[in-house]
N, C-alpha and C. Protein backbone atom coordinates (compact mmCIF):
# COMPACT_ATOMS: atom_id res chain seq x y z
N MET A 1 -6.05 21.16 -8.46
CA MET A 1 -4.89 20.27 -8.29
C MET A 1 -3.79 21.29 -7.58
N PHE A 2 -2.39 20.59 -7.27
CA PHE A 2 -1.28 21.67 -6.66
C PHE A 2 -0.12 21.30 -7.41
N ASP A 3 0.66 22.10 -7.31
CA ASP A 3 1.91 22.05 -8.03
C ASP A 3 2.90 21.22 -6.96
N GLU A 4 3.37 20.07 -7.15
CA GLU A 4 3.89 19.25 -6.20
C GLU A 4 5.26 19.84 -6.06
N ALA A 5 6.14 20.34 -6.91
CA ALA A 5 7.44 20.89 -6.68
C ALA A 5 7.24 22.18 -5.95
N GLU A 6 6.54 23.09 -6.09
CA GLU A 6 6.27 24.05 -5.42
C GLU A 6 5.87 23.66 -3.90
N LEU A 7 4.91 22.81 -3.54
CA LEU A 7 4.55 22.45 -2.48
C LEU A 7 5.80 21.84 -1.72
N LEU A 8 6.57 20.95 -2.32
CA LEU A 8 7.74 20.22 -1.62
C LEU A 8 8.84 21.46 -1.35
N GLY A 9 8.76 22.49 -2.23
CA GLY A 9 9.94 23.28 -1.86
C GLY A 9 9.48 24.13 -0.52
N ARG A 10 8.08 24.76 -0.32
CA ARG A 10 7.75 25.34 0.72
C ARG A 10 7.82 24.16 1.98
N ALA A 11 7.55 23.01 1.64
CA ALA A 11 7.86 21.87 2.91
C ALA A 11 9.06 21.92 3.47
N HIS A 12 10.03 21.97 2.49
CA HIS A 12 11.56 22.10 2.80
C HIS A 12 11.92 23.23 3.86
N ILE A 13 11.17 24.23 3.79
CA ILE A 13 11.18 25.28 4.82
C ILE A 13 10.30 25.35 5.74
N GLN A 14 9.68 24.05 6.18
CA GLN A 14 8.85 23.69 7.26
C GLN A 14 7.60 24.63 7.03
N ASP A 15 6.95 25.12 5.94
CA ASP A 15 5.77 25.59 5.85
C ASP A 15 4.67 25.07 6.36
N THR A 16 3.95 25.23 7.35
CA THR A 16 2.79 24.32 7.93
C THR A 16 1.77 24.00 7.12
N ASP A 17 1.68 25.30 6.18
CA ASP A 17 0.22 25.07 5.44
C ASP A 17 0.83 24.19 4.47
N ALA A 18 1.79 23.92 3.88
CA ALA A 18 2.32 23.26 2.81
C ALA A 18 2.36 21.59 3.30
N LEU A 19 2.86 21.70 4.64
CA LEU A 19 3.11 20.12 5.30
C LEU A 19 1.51 19.66 5.25
N ALA A 20 0.60 20.53 5.74
CA ALA A 20 -0.82 20.16 5.85
C ALA A 20 -1.50 19.75 4.56
N GLN A 21 -1.12 20.53 3.47
CA GLN A 21 -1.72 20.15 2.16
C GLN A 21 -1.04 18.87 1.89
N ILE A 22 0.30 18.54 1.93
CA ILE A 22 0.78 17.24 1.53
C ILE A 22 -0.07 16.07 2.31
N HIS A 23 -0.20 16.28 3.43
CA HIS A 23 -0.89 15.46 4.47
C HIS A 23 -2.32 14.96 3.83
N ASP A 24 -2.97 15.96 3.52
CA ASP A 24 -4.45 16.01 2.90
C ASP A 24 -4.23 15.40 1.67
N ALA A 25 -3.24 15.68 0.72
CA ALA A 25 -3.34 15.26 -0.57
C ALA A 25 -2.98 13.72 -0.56
N TYR A 26 -1.98 13.19 0.28
CA TYR A 26 -1.73 12.15 0.28
C TYR A 26 -1.77 10.71 1.19
N TYR A 27 -2.80 11.20 2.30
CA TYR A 27 -3.02 10.38 3.22
C TYR A 27 -3.85 9.45 2.73
N GLY A 28 -5.04 9.78 1.98
CA GLY A 28 -5.95 8.66 1.44
C GLY A 28 -5.37 7.78 0.37
N PRO A 29 -4.61 8.28 -0.47
CA PRO A 29 -3.85 7.42 -1.57
C PRO A 29 -2.93 6.56 -0.85
N LEU A 30 -2.15 6.80 0.14
CA LEU A 30 -1.18 6.16 1.22
C LEU A 30 -1.79 5.14 1.75
N PHE A 31 -3.11 5.32 2.28
CA PHE A 31 -3.83 4.55 3.19
C PHE A 31 -4.50 3.53 2.50
N ARG A 32 -4.96 3.81 1.21
CA ARG A 32 -5.49 2.97 0.32
C ARG A 32 -4.21 1.71 -0.11
N TYR A 33 -3.14 2.20 -0.40
CA TYR A 33 -2.17 1.47 -0.92
C TYR A 33 -1.86 0.55 0.36
N VAL A 34 -1.47 0.84 1.55
CA VAL A 34 -1.13 0.38 2.74
C VAL A 34 -2.12 -0.86 3.05
N SER A 35 -3.40 -0.19 3.21
CA SER A 35 -4.49 -1.15 3.69
C SER A 35 -4.76 -2.40 2.76
N PHE A 36 -4.32 -2.15 1.54
CA PHE A 36 -4.34 -3.32 0.52
C PHE A 36 -3.43 -4.43 0.91
N ARG A 37 -2.28 -3.82 1.27
CA ARG A 37 -1.33 -4.72 1.73
C ARG A 37 -1.17 -5.45 3.25
N VAL A 38 -2.08 -4.57 4.24
CA VAL A 38 -1.83 -5.19 5.56
C VAL A 38 -3.31 -5.84 5.82
N SER A 39 -4.37 -5.28 5.43
CA SER A 39 -5.78 -5.92 5.76
C SER A 39 -6.35 -5.33 7.12
N ASP A 40 -5.82 -4.56 7.74
CA ASP A 40 -6.02 -4.26 9.23
C ASP A 40 -6.06 -2.66 9.14
N ARG A 41 -7.38 -2.29 9.53
CA ARG A 41 -7.39 -0.78 9.30
C ARG A 41 -6.74 -0.20 10.35
N HIS A 42 -6.57 -0.42 11.62
CA HIS A 42 -5.84 0.10 12.76
C HIS A 42 -4.31 0.20 12.41
N THR A 43 -3.95 -0.91 11.94
CA THR A 43 -2.48 -1.21 11.33
C THR A 43 -2.21 -0.22 10.11
N ALA A 44 -2.93 -0.13 9.35
CA ALA A 44 -2.77 0.64 8.09
C ALA A 44 -2.84 2.09 8.64
N GLU A 45 -3.72 2.65 9.46
CA GLU A 45 -3.53 3.81 9.89
C GLU A 45 -2.06 4.22 10.54
N ASP A 46 -1.46 3.23 11.25
CA ASP A 46 -0.61 3.31 11.97
C ASP A 46 0.63 3.53 11.04
N LEU A 47 0.53 2.66 10.01
CA LEU A 47 2.00 2.62 9.20
C LEU A 47 1.72 3.89 8.13
N VAL A 48 0.53 4.32 7.97
CA VAL A 48 0.55 5.45 6.99
C VAL A 48 1.10 6.59 8.01
N SER A 49 0.80 6.71 9.28
CA SER A 49 1.38 7.65 10.04
C SER A 49 2.96 7.50 10.03
N GLU A 50 3.40 6.51 10.23
CA GLU A 50 4.78 6.14 10.15
C GLU A 50 5.52 6.88 8.97
N VAL A 51 4.71 6.86 7.86
CA VAL A 51 5.31 7.28 6.41
C VAL A 51 5.55 8.83 6.69
N PHE A 52 4.31 9.44 7.13
CA PHE A 52 4.59 10.96 7.41
C PHE A 52 5.48 11.26 8.53
N THR A 53 5.73 10.45 9.48
CA THR A 53 6.61 10.71 10.58
C THR A 53 8.16 10.61 9.63
N ARG A 54 8.35 9.59 8.88
CA ARG A 54 9.58 9.51 8.17
C ARG A 54 9.69 10.84 7.38
N PHE A 55 8.82 11.23 6.62
CA PHE A 55 8.69 12.45 6.10
C PHE A 55 9.37 13.44 6.71
N LEU A 56 8.69 13.79 7.79
CA LEU A 56 8.95 15.06 8.65
C LEU A 56 10.52 14.67 8.99
N THR A 57 10.95 13.50 9.47
CA THR A 57 12.22 13.36 9.74
C THR A 57 13.17 13.77 8.69
N ALA A 58 12.93 13.07 7.48
CA ALA A 58 13.73 13.45 6.34
C ALA A 58 14.02 14.92 6.03
N LEU A 59 12.78 15.77 6.10
CA LEU A 59 12.84 17.11 5.92
C LEU A 59 13.88 17.63 7.08
N ARG A 60 13.78 17.38 8.46
CA ARG A 60 14.49 17.96 9.45
C ARG A 60 16.20 17.31 9.11
N ASP A 61 16.29 16.46 8.46
CA ASP A 61 17.65 16.10 8.55
C ASP A 61 18.37 16.35 6.84
N LYS A 62 17.31 16.98 6.24
CA LYS A 62 17.81 17.64 4.96
C LYS A 62 18.04 16.24 4.00
N LYS A 63 17.22 15.31 4.14
CA LYS A 63 17.24 14.04 3.15
C LYS A 63 15.87 13.96 2.69
N ALA A 64 15.08 14.83 2.57
CA ALA A 64 13.88 14.72 1.92
C ALA A 64 13.86 14.65 0.36
N PRO A 65 13.04 14.50 -0.33
CA PRO A 65 13.14 14.30 -1.91
C PRO A 65 12.98 15.65 -2.24
N GLN A 66 13.82 16.07 -3.54
CA GLN A 66 14.05 17.42 -3.94
C GLN A 66 12.98 17.53 -5.14
N SER A 67 12.67 16.50 -5.79
CA SER A 67 11.65 16.72 -6.90
C SER A 67 10.39 16.05 -6.94
N THR A 68 10.28 14.66 -6.85
CA THR A 68 9.02 13.95 -6.79
C THR A 68 8.66 13.45 -5.29
N LEU A 69 7.67 14.03 -5.08
CA LEU A 69 6.87 13.72 -3.69
C LEU A 69 6.42 12.40 -3.71
N ARG A 70 5.57 12.37 -4.54
CA ARG A 70 4.59 11.03 -4.72
C ARG A 70 5.38 9.82 -4.74
N GLY A 71 6.41 9.69 -5.47
CA GLY A 71 7.16 8.58 -5.76
C GLY A 71 7.87 8.18 -4.28
N TRP A 72 8.29 9.21 -3.79
CA TRP A 72 9.14 9.11 -2.51
C TRP A 72 8.30 8.61 -1.46
N LEU A 73 6.90 9.06 -1.33
CA LEU A 73 6.18 8.56 -0.18
C LEU A 73 5.79 7.16 -0.27
N PHE A 74 5.46 6.80 -1.71
CA PHE A 74 5.24 5.32 -2.03
C PHE A 74 6.09 4.58 -1.76
N SER A 75 7.24 4.84 -2.08
CA SER A 75 8.57 4.21 -1.90
C SER A 75 8.79 3.84 -0.22
N VAL A 76 8.48 4.71 0.54
CA VAL A 76 8.64 5.02 1.80
C VAL A 76 7.70 3.91 2.44
N ALA A 77 6.37 4.02 2.01
CA ALA A 77 5.00 3.33 2.13
C ALA A 77 5.59 1.79 2.07
N ALA A 78 6.18 1.57 0.94
CA ALA A 78 6.40 -0.06 0.58
C ALA A 78 7.62 -0.49 1.76
N ASN A 79 8.27 0.57 2.00
CA ASN A 79 9.21 -0.01 2.97
C ASN A 79 8.73 0.00 4.64
N VAL A 80 7.90 0.49 4.88
CA VAL A 80 7.19 0.53 5.83
C VAL A 80 6.32 -0.63 5.99
N VAL A 81 5.63 -1.15 4.77
CA VAL A 81 4.82 -2.25 5.12
C VAL A 81 5.57 -3.76 5.16
N SER A 82 6.85 -3.36 4.33
CA SER A 82 8.04 -4.60 4.51
C SER A 82 8.40 -4.79 5.61
N ASP A 83 8.74 -3.73 6.32
CA ASP A 83 9.24 -3.69 7.84
C ASP A 83 8.11 -4.19 8.72
N HIS A 84 6.90 -3.90 8.44
CA HIS A 84 5.77 -4.46 9.27
C HIS A 84 5.40 -5.95 9.28
N HIS A 85 5.63 -6.50 7.89
CA HIS A 85 5.33 -7.91 7.66
C HIS A 85 6.76 -8.52 8.08
N ARG A 86 8.01 -8.27 7.97
CA ARG A 86 8.96 -8.64 8.53
C ARG A 86 8.88 -9.03 10.17
N ARG A 87 8.19 -8.04 10.86
CA ARG A 87 8.35 -7.84 12.09
C ARG A 87 7.27 -8.80 12.76
N ARG A 88 5.98 -8.80 11.64
CA ARG A 88 5.05 -9.97 12.14
C ARG A 88 5.56 -11.47 11.80
N TYR A 89 6.29 -11.44 10.88
CA TYR A 89 6.92 -12.95 10.53
C TYR A 89 7.63 -13.32 11.74
N ARG A 90 8.44 -12.71 12.41
CA ARG A 90 9.18 -12.71 13.64
C ARG A 90 8.48 -13.02 14.87
N ALA A 91 7.29 -12.42 14.90
CA ALA A 91 6.40 -12.55 16.23
C ALA A 91 5.07 -12.56 15.85
N PRO A 92 4.61 -13.86 15.17
CA PRO A 92 3.31 -13.89 14.69
C PRO A 92 2.23 -13.56 15.62
N GLN A 93 1.17 -12.91 15.23
CA GLN A 93 0.22 -12.88 16.05
C GLN A 93 -1.18 -12.99 15.36
N GLU A 94 -2.33 -13.62 15.93
CA GLU A 94 -3.37 -13.83 15.54
C GLU A 94 -4.27 -12.77 15.62
N SER A 95 -4.90 -12.10 14.53
CA SER A 95 -5.71 -10.85 14.55
C SER A 95 -7.32 -11.36 14.58
N LEU A 96 -8.14 -10.52 15.11
CA LEU A 96 -9.42 -10.74 15.13
C LEU A 96 -10.06 -9.63 14.00
N ASP A 97 -10.98 -10.09 13.32
CA ASP A 97 -11.56 -9.38 12.18
C ASP A 97 -12.85 -8.46 13.14
N GLU A 98 -12.42 -7.20 13.47
CA GLU A 98 -13.49 -6.09 13.97
C GLU A 98 -14.30 -5.45 13.09
N ASP A 99 -14.28 -5.78 11.82
CA ASP A 99 -15.05 -5.03 10.74
C ASP A 99 -16.57 -5.11 11.13
N ILE A 100 -17.39 -4.12 11.11
CA ILE A 100 -18.81 -4.15 11.41
C ILE A 100 -19.37 -4.88 10.07
N VAL A 101 -19.97 -5.87 10.30
CA VAL A 101 -20.82 -6.51 9.23
C VAL A 101 -22.08 -6.20 8.84
N SER A 102 -22.42 -5.84 7.64
CA SER A 102 -23.61 -5.55 7.12
C SER A 102 -24.66 -6.47 7.62
N GLN A 103 -25.83 -5.69 7.99
CA GLN A 103 -27.31 -6.49 8.62
C GLN A 103 -27.66 -7.13 7.51
N GLU A 104 -27.48 -6.83 6.19
CA GLU A 104 -28.36 -7.52 5.17
C GLU A 104 -27.70 -8.61 4.69
N ALA A 105 -26.34 -9.03 4.96
CA ALA A 105 -26.12 -10.40 4.52
C ALA A 105 -26.33 -11.18 5.62
N GLY A 106 -26.34 -12.54 5.25
CA GLY A 106 -26.84 -13.80 6.33
C GLY A 106 -25.51 -14.36 6.72
N PRO A 107 -25.58 -15.16 7.58
CA PRO A 107 -24.37 -15.64 8.13
C PRO A 107 -23.48 -16.53 7.08
N ASP A 108 -24.32 -17.18 6.32
CA ASP A 108 -23.87 -17.96 5.27
C ASP A 108 -22.91 -17.10 4.23
N GLU A 109 -23.40 -15.91 3.93
CA GLU A 109 -22.99 -15.06 2.78
C GLU A 109 -21.63 -14.64 3.56
N ILE A 110 -21.64 -13.98 4.91
CA ILE A 110 -20.65 -13.49 5.60
C ILE A 110 -19.47 -14.38 5.92
N ALA A 111 -19.91 -15.66 5.89
CA ALA A 111 -18.74 -16.71 6.05
C ALA A 111 -18.08 -16.95 4.84
N GLU A 112 -18.94 -17.10 3.56
CA GLU A 112 -18.26 -17.12 2.28
C GLU A 112 -17.41 -15.81 2.00
N GLN A 113 -17.75 -14.72 2.25
CA GLN A 113 -16.99 -13.50 1.87
C GLN A 113 -15.63 -13.75 2.75
N ALA A 114 -15.84 -13.97 4.05
CA ALA A 114 -14.67 -14.34 4.63
C ALA A 114 -13.57 -15.18 4.34
N ALA A 115 -14.29 -16.19 3.89
CA ALA A 115 -13.45 -17.27 3.29
C ALA A 115 -12.73 -16.67 2.04
N THR A 116 -13.31 -16.34 1.14
CA THR A 116 -12.97 -15.86 0.07
C THR A 116 -11.96 -14.85 0.25
N ARG A 117 -12.08 -13.75 0.94
CA ARG A 117 -10.98 -12.64 1.44
C ARG A 117 -9.87 -13.38 1.98
N GLU A 118 -9.99 -14.44 2.65
CA GLU A 118 -8.54 -14.98 3.40
C GLU A 118 -8.23 -15.79 2.12
N ASP A 119 -8.72 -16.60 1.41
CA ASP A 119 -8.24 -17.16 0.14
C ASP A 119 -7.27 -16.36 -0.41
N LEU A 120 -7.97 -15.16 -0.78
CA LEU A 120 -7.14 -14.10 -1.56
C LEU A 120 -5.83 -13.81 -0.96
N ARG A 121 -6.19 -13.28 0.34
CA ARG A 121 -4.78 -13.01 1.19
C ARG A 121 -3.81 -14.04 0.99
N ARG A 122 -4.39 -15.23 1.41
CA ARG A 122 -3.13 -16.17 1.08
C ARG A 122 -2.79 -16.42 -0.31
N ALA A 123 -3.33 -16.14 -1.29
CA ALA A 123 -2.80 -16.26 -2.64
C ALA A 123 -1.79 -15.28 -2.81
N VAL A 124 -2.43 -13.99 -2.54
CA VAL A 124 -1.38 -12.89 -2.50
C VAL A 124 -0.01 -13.02 -1.85
N ALA A 125 -0.06 -13.70 -0.79
CA ALA A 125 0.92 -13.84 0.06
C ALA A 125 2.11 -14.68 -0.45
N THR A 126 1.41 -15.52 -1.49
CA THR A 126 2.42 -16.45 -2.33
C THR A 126 2.87 -15.82 -3.39
N LEU A 127 2.89 -14.53 -3.56
CA LEU A 127 3.26 -14.02 -4.88
C LEU A 127 4.65 -13.22 -4.23
N THR A 128 5.58 -13.10 -5.26
CA THR A 128 6.75 -12.45 -4.91
C THR A 128 6.59 -10.93 -4.34
N GLY A 129 7.57 -10.42 -3.46
CA GLY A 129 7.31 -8.98 -2.97
C GLY A 129 7.25 -8.11 -3.85
N GLU A 130 7.78 -8.01 -5.06
CA GLU A 130 7.59 -7.10 -6.10
C GLU A 130 6.20 -7.22 -6.58
N GLN A 131 5.72 -8.35 -6.99
CA GLN A 131 4.46 -8.71 -7.29
C GLN A 131 3.37 -8.03 -6.48
N GLN A 132 3.90 -8.03 -5.18
CA GLN A 132 2.61 -7.79 -4.13
C GLN A 132 2.69 -6.21 -4.19
N HIS A 133 3.66 -5.52 -4.52
CA HIS A 133 3.97 -4.19 -4.39
C HIS A 133 3.20 -3.61 -5.67
N VAL A 134 3.41 -4.39 -6.89
CA VAL A 134 2.84 -3.90 -8.14
C VAL A 134 1.26 -4.01 -8.09
N LEU A 135 0.67 -4.89 -7.47
CA LEU A 135 -0.87 -5.08 -7.47
C LEU A 135 -1.33 -3.90 -6.34
N ALA A 136 -0.68 -3.97 -5.21
CA ALA A 136 -1.14 -2.79 -4.15
C ALA A 136 -1.12 -1.48 -5.01
N MET A 137 -0.16 -1.27 -5.51
CA MET A 137 -0.04 0.28 -6.20
C MET A 137 -0.94 0.43 -7.48
N ARG A 138 -0.95 -0.47 -8.13
CA ARG A 138 -1.86 -0.56 -9.32
C ARG A 138 -3.35 -0.55 -8.84
N TYR A 139 -3.56 -1.87 -8.12
CA TYR A 139 -5.32 -1.85 -7.85
C TYR A 139 -5.76 -1.12 -6.37
N GLY A 140 -4.98 -1.29 -5.59
CA GLY A 140 -5.06 -0.73 -4.19
C GLY A 140 -5.22 0.75 -4.47
N GLN A 141 -4.26 1.15 -5.12
CA GLN A 141 -3.96 2.86 -5.30
C GLN A 141 -4.43 3.35 -6.41
N GLY A 142 -4.59 2.40 -7.58
CA GLY A 142 -4.94 3.01 -8.90
C GLY A 142 -4.27 3.89 -9.41
N LEU A 143 -2.49 3.65 -9.40
CA LEU A 143 -1.70 4.30 -9.83
C LEU A 143 -1.45 3.84 -11.31
N PRO A 144 -1.00 4.81 -12.19
CA PRO A 144 -0.70 4.58 -13.51
C PRO A 144 0.63 3.78 -13.46
N ILE A 145 0.91 2.86 -14.64
CA ILE A 145 1.97 2.16 -14.72
C ILE A 145 3.34 3.04 -14.63
N GLN A 146 3.35 4.30 -15.28
CA GLN A 146 4.51 5.01 -14.99
C GLN A 146 4.77 5.31 -13.79
N ASP A 147 3.89 5.62 -12.69
CA ASP A 147 4.07 5.94 -11.51
C ASP A 147 4.77 4.97 -10.51
N VAL A 148 4.09 3.95 -10.95
CA VAL A 148 4.73 2.46 -10.26
C VAL A 148 6.00 2.40 -10.43
N ALA A 149 6.53 2.25 -11.93
CA ALA A 149 7.76 2.03 -12.24
C ALA A 149 8.63 3.18 -11.84
N ARG A 150 8.22 4.37 -11.55
CA ARG A 150 9.03 5.28 -11.23
C ARG A 150 9.31 4.97 -9.48
N ALA A 151 8.34 4.66 -8.85
CA ALA A 151 8.33 4.33 -7.41
C ALA A 151 9.19 2.98 -7.07
N LEU A 152 9.11 2.15 -8.10
CA LEU A 152 9.95 0.86 -7.73
C LEU A 152 11.30 0.98 -8.40
N GLY A 153 11.44 1.93 -9.08
CA GLY A 153 12.84 1.99 -10.03
C GLY A 153 13.00 0.99 -10.95
N LYS A 154 11.81 0.44 -11.78
CA LYS A 154 11.82 -0.39 -12.91
C LYS A 154 11.07 0.34 -13.98
N THR A 155 11.34 -0.37 -14.98
CA THR A 155 10.99 0.25 -16.30
C THR A 155 9.52 -0.20 -16.24
N GLU A 156 8.74 0.54 -17.37
CA GLU A 156 7.24 0.29 -17.46
C GLU A 156 6.93 -1.18 -18.09
N GLY A 157 7.92 -1.63 -18.75
CA GLY A 157 7.72 -2.95 -19.49
C GLY A 157 7.92 -4.06 -18.22
N ALA A 158 8.72 -3.74 -17.53
CA ALA A 158 8.89 -4.64 -16.32
C ALA A 158 7.49 -4.65 -15.25
N ILE A 159 7.28 -3.56 -15.04
CA ILE A 159 5.89 -3.43 -14.20
C ILE A 159 4.88 -4.18 -14.93
N LYS A 160 4.48 -3.82 -16.30
CA LYS A 160 3.72 -5.04 -17.05
C LYS A 160 3.78 -6.35 -16.95
N GLN A 161 5.08 -6.56 -17.00
CA GLN A 161 5.28 -8.16 -16.54
C GLN A 161 4.79 -8.74 -15.42
N LEU A 162 5.51 -7.92 -14.51
CA LEU A 162 5.10 -8.42 -12.91
C LEU A 162 3.65 -8.50 -12.78
N GLN A 163 2.85 -7.27 -13.17
CA GLN A 163 1.46 -7.59 -13.14
C GLN A 163 0.84 -8.47 -13.74
N ALA A 164 1.11 -8.91 -14.89
CA ALA A 164 0.36 -9.83 -15.87
C ALA A 164 0.91 -11.17 -14.98
N ARG A 165 2.09 -11.41 -14.63
CA ARG A 165 2.47 -12.79 -13.92
C ARG A 165 1.81 -12.74 -12.57
N ALA A 166 1.53 -11.74 -11.85
CA ALA A 166 0.92 -11.80 -10.60
C ALA A 166 -0.58 -12.38 -10.80
N ILE A 167 -1.26 -11.45 -11.57
CA ILE A 167 -2.81 -11.70 -12.04
C ILE A 167 -2.87 -13.20 -12.46
N ALA A 168 -1.91 -13.66 -13.37
CA ALA A 168 -2.08 -15.17 -13.86
C ALA A 168 -1.81 -16.24 -12.62
N ALA A 169 -0.86 -15.73 -11.80
CA ALA A 169 -0.67 -16.42 -10.73
C ALA A 169 -1.93 -16.68 -9.55
N LEU A 170 -2.42 -15.49 -9.30
CA LEU A 170 -3.63 -15.32 -8.52
C LEU A 170 -4.89 -15.91 -9.20
N SER A 171 -5.13 -15.93 -10.55
CA SER A 171 -6.10 -16.80 -11.25
C SER A 171 -5.97 -18.30 -11.18
N ARG A 172 -4.82 -18.71 -11.16
CA ARG A 172 -4.75 -20.03 -10.99
C ARG A 172 -4.95 -20.56 -9.55
N LYS A 173 -4.47 -19.84 -8.53
CA LYS A 173 -4.45 -20.15 -7.28
C LYS A 173 -5.94 -20.21 -6.71
N MET A 174 -6.78 -19.02 -7.41
CA MET A 174 -8.17 -18.83 -6.91
C MET A 174 -9.16 -19.71 -7.61
N ALA A 175 -8.73 -20.43 -8.52
CA ALA A 175 -9.64 -20.88 -9.55
C ALA A 175 -10.30 -22.05 -8.57
N PRO A 176 -11.82 -22.35 -8.82
CA PRO A 176 -12.39 -23.42 -8.06
C PRO A 176 -11.62 -24.57 -8.05
N GLY A 177 -11.52 -25.19 -6.64
CA GLY A 177 -11.05 -26.35 -6.38
C GLY A 177 -9.42 -26.25 -6.25
N MET A 178 -9.07 -25.16 -6.72
CA MET A 178 -7.34 -25.01 -6.42
C MET A 178 -6.80 -24.39 -5.34
N VAL A 179 -7.67 -23.71 -4.53
CA VAL A 179 -7.15 -23.11 -3.22
C VAL A 179 -6.62 -24.00 -2.28
N GLU A 180 -5.46 -23.51 -1.62
CA GLU A 180 -4.68 -24.61 -0.92
C GLU A 180 -5.18 -24.58 0.66
């Protein structure tokens, strides 16, 4: 493990080894968080790259975080994802699923899995933005409630409530015969 404060201090002076360590340490977790929210691998990769671009810009402009890098990066990731969804809402596009499908699954299983994923995406899209952020950070990234609360600027109790309400809403929406 690494000392985040020490690494962040080195990043402030443009230490390339520190920047590489930050990228290596946070790329995977940020990618999982973003991909949980956007469902397209290439878009998720682009958005995570945008997070690191904003980090480098913040370092250059002396506006980078001084103490908590993890929370700052996830807050930026949440903003990047929101910006992406806002742009897509204004100019909607239909995307094709380019994932390679397992040879072991039959066409009926593949269709059922795709339908379930699409139903879940639609159900998640009906949640509030805060609920989506909490689920993405808790389940997509696996962050503890304390880190999610810090990243979203809320209390741990508020995060627990958002999570519980989001899961209850998804349960209702995903119940057999209830999918819209």
